[in-house]
Protein backbone atom coordinates (compact mmCIF):
# COMPACT_ATOMS: atom_id res chain seq x y z
CA UNK A 1 12.84 -15.26 -23.62
CA UNK A 2 10.21 -14.42 -26.25
CA UNK A 3 8.29 -17.60 -25.42
CA UNK A 4 8.26 -16.67 -21.72
CA UNK A 5 6.98 -13.18 -22.54
CA UNK A 6 4.26 -14.57 -24.81
CA UNK A 7 3.20 -17.15 -22.22
CA UNK A 8 3.13 -14.51 -19.49
CA UNK A 9 1.01 -12.13 -21.55
CA UNK A 10 -1.39 -14.97 -22.40
CA UNK A 11 -1.70 -15.73 -18.67
CA UNK A 12 -2.86 -12.17 -17.88
CA UNK A 13 0.52 -10.74 -16.94
CA UNK A 14 1.91 -7.47 -18.22
CA UNK A 15 5.45 -6.54 -19.13
CA UNK A 16 6.69 -3.76 -16.87
CA UNK A 17 8.74 -1.35 -19.01
CA UNK A 18 10.03 0.39 -15.86
CA UNK A 19 11.87 -2.77 -14.81
CA UNK A 20 14.49 -3.17 -17.52
CA UNK A 21 13.16 -3.25 -21.04
CA UNK A 22 10.06 -5.34 -20.49
CA UNK A 23 11.89 -8.56 -19.68
CA UNK A 24 10.33 -8.88 -16.22
CA UNK A 25 6.71 -9.88 -15.69
CA UNK A 26 4.20 -8.42 -13.25
CA UNK A 27 0.77 -9.72 -12.25
CA UNK A 28 -2.23 -7.41 -12.51
CA UNK A 29 -4.00 -6.33 -9.34
CA UNK A 30 -7.07 -8.27 -8.27
CA UNK A 31 -10.47 -6.66 -7.77
CA UNK A 32 -10.23 -6.73 -3.96
CA UNK A 33 -6.77 -5.09 -3.87
CA UNK A 34 -7.86 -2.47 -6.39
CA UNK A 35 -10.97 -1.62 -4.35
CA UNK A 36 -9.02 -1.36 -1.08
CA UNK A 37 -6.40 0.89 -2.69
CA UNK A 38 -9.08 3.14 -4.21
CA UNK A 39 -10.79 3.55 -0.83
CA UNK A 40 -7.60 4.12 1.19
CA UNK A 41 -6.31 6.60 -1.41
CA UNK A 42 -9.12 8.89 -0.26
CA UNK A 43 -7.46 9.17 3.18
CA UNK A 44 -4.96 12.00 3.65
CA UNK A 45 -1.40 10.66 3.86
CA UNK A 46 -0.60 12.52 7.06
CA UNK A 47 -3.40 10.66 8.87
CA UNK A 48 -1.07 7.68 9.22
CA UNK A 49 1.75 9.90 10.53
CA UNK A 50 -0.53 11.44 13.19
CA UNK A 51 -1.84 8.00 14.16
CA UNK A 52 1.73 6.71 14.60
CA UNK A 53 2.57 9.76 16.75
CA UNK A 54 -0.53 9.16 18.85
CA UNK A 55 0.54 5.55 19.29
CA UNK A 56 3.95 6.60 20.59
CA UNK A 57 2.44 9.20 22.96
CA UNK A 58 -0.15 6.73 24.21
CA UNK A 59 2.58 4.17 24.78
CA UNK A 60 4.57 6.67 26.82
CA UNK A 61 1.54 7.55 28.95
CA UNK A 62 0.76 3.88 29.53
CA UNK A 63 4.37 3.24 30.55
CA UNK A 64 4.32 6.16 32.99
CA UNK A 65 1.08 4.87 34.51
CA UNK A 66 2.69 1.47 35.16
CA UNK A 67 0.86 -0.53 32.47
CA UNK A 68 3.98 -1.96 30.83
CA UNK A 69 2.37 -4.70 28.71
CA UNK A 70 -0.27 -2.35 27.31
CA UNK A 71 2.49 0.17 26.63
CA UNK A 72 4.45 -2.33 24.56
CA UNK A 73 1.32 -3.41 22.66
CA UNK A 74 0.29 0.13 21.71
CA UNK A 75 3.88 1.20 20.98
CA UNK A 76 4.24 -1.54 18.38
CA UNK A 77 1.45 0.01 16.28
CA UNK A 78 3.68 2.92 15.19
CA UNK A 79 5.86 1.07 12.64
CA UNK A 80 2.83 -0.62 11.12
CA UNK A 81 0.99 2.67 10.75
CA UNK A 82 4.05 4.31 9.18
CA UNK A 83 4.41 1.47 6.65
CA UNK A 84 0.70 1.71 5.79
CA UNK A 85 1.16 5.45 5.26
CA UNK A 86 4.14 4.81 3.00
CA UNK A 87 2.18 2.27 0.97
CA UNK A 88 -0.75 4.69 0.72
CA UNK A 89 1.57 7.42 -0.56
CA UNK A 90 3.18 5.10 -3.12
CA UNK A 91 -0.20 4.04 -4.47
CA UNK A 92 -1.25 7.69 -4.78
CA UNK A 93 1.96 8.73 -6.57
CA UNK A 94 2.79 5.70 -8.72
CA UNK A 95 -0.60 4.05 -9.07
CA UNK A 96 -1.32 0.46 -8.22
CA UNK A 97 -1.35 -1.17 -11.64
CA UNK A 98 0.68 0.46 -14.42
CA UNK A 99 -0.83 -2.02 -16.89
CA UNK A 100 -3.96 0.10 -17.20
CA UNK A 101 -6.13 -1.95 -14.86
CA UNK A 102 -6.68 0.99 -12.51
CA UNK A 103 -9.87 3.07 -12.52
CA UNK A 104 -9.17 6.83 -12.69
CA UNK A 105 -9.93 8.78 -9.52
CA UNK A 106 -13.30 10.49 -9.48
CA UNK A 107 -14.91 8.15 -12.00
CA UNK A 108 -17.31 6.78 -9.40
CA UNK A 109 -16.55 3.14 -10.29
CA UNK A 110 -15.22 0.58 -7.79
């Protein structure tokens, strides 16, 4: 167990104390993921909710106008948008990398 922890820390992994006493390992976020999360965290969380609602309404209008395939295509955006909104909210609340690899908001760095 101790050897696994030492090897994991040497490989750039961090022990996650929130996951049971530090016995589980977690990889640090990469530069691309960190940059995307910093940029999307600037978006208001309800934007995704409104976009999902617009998708459902658009799907209904397309269905009523007889464009069934387009209706199905647009209607399938709603779950994706809601999951993106949930992820955005989690990143805002919990942070993306509890190992300290995250740049504080408002620091101007990317």
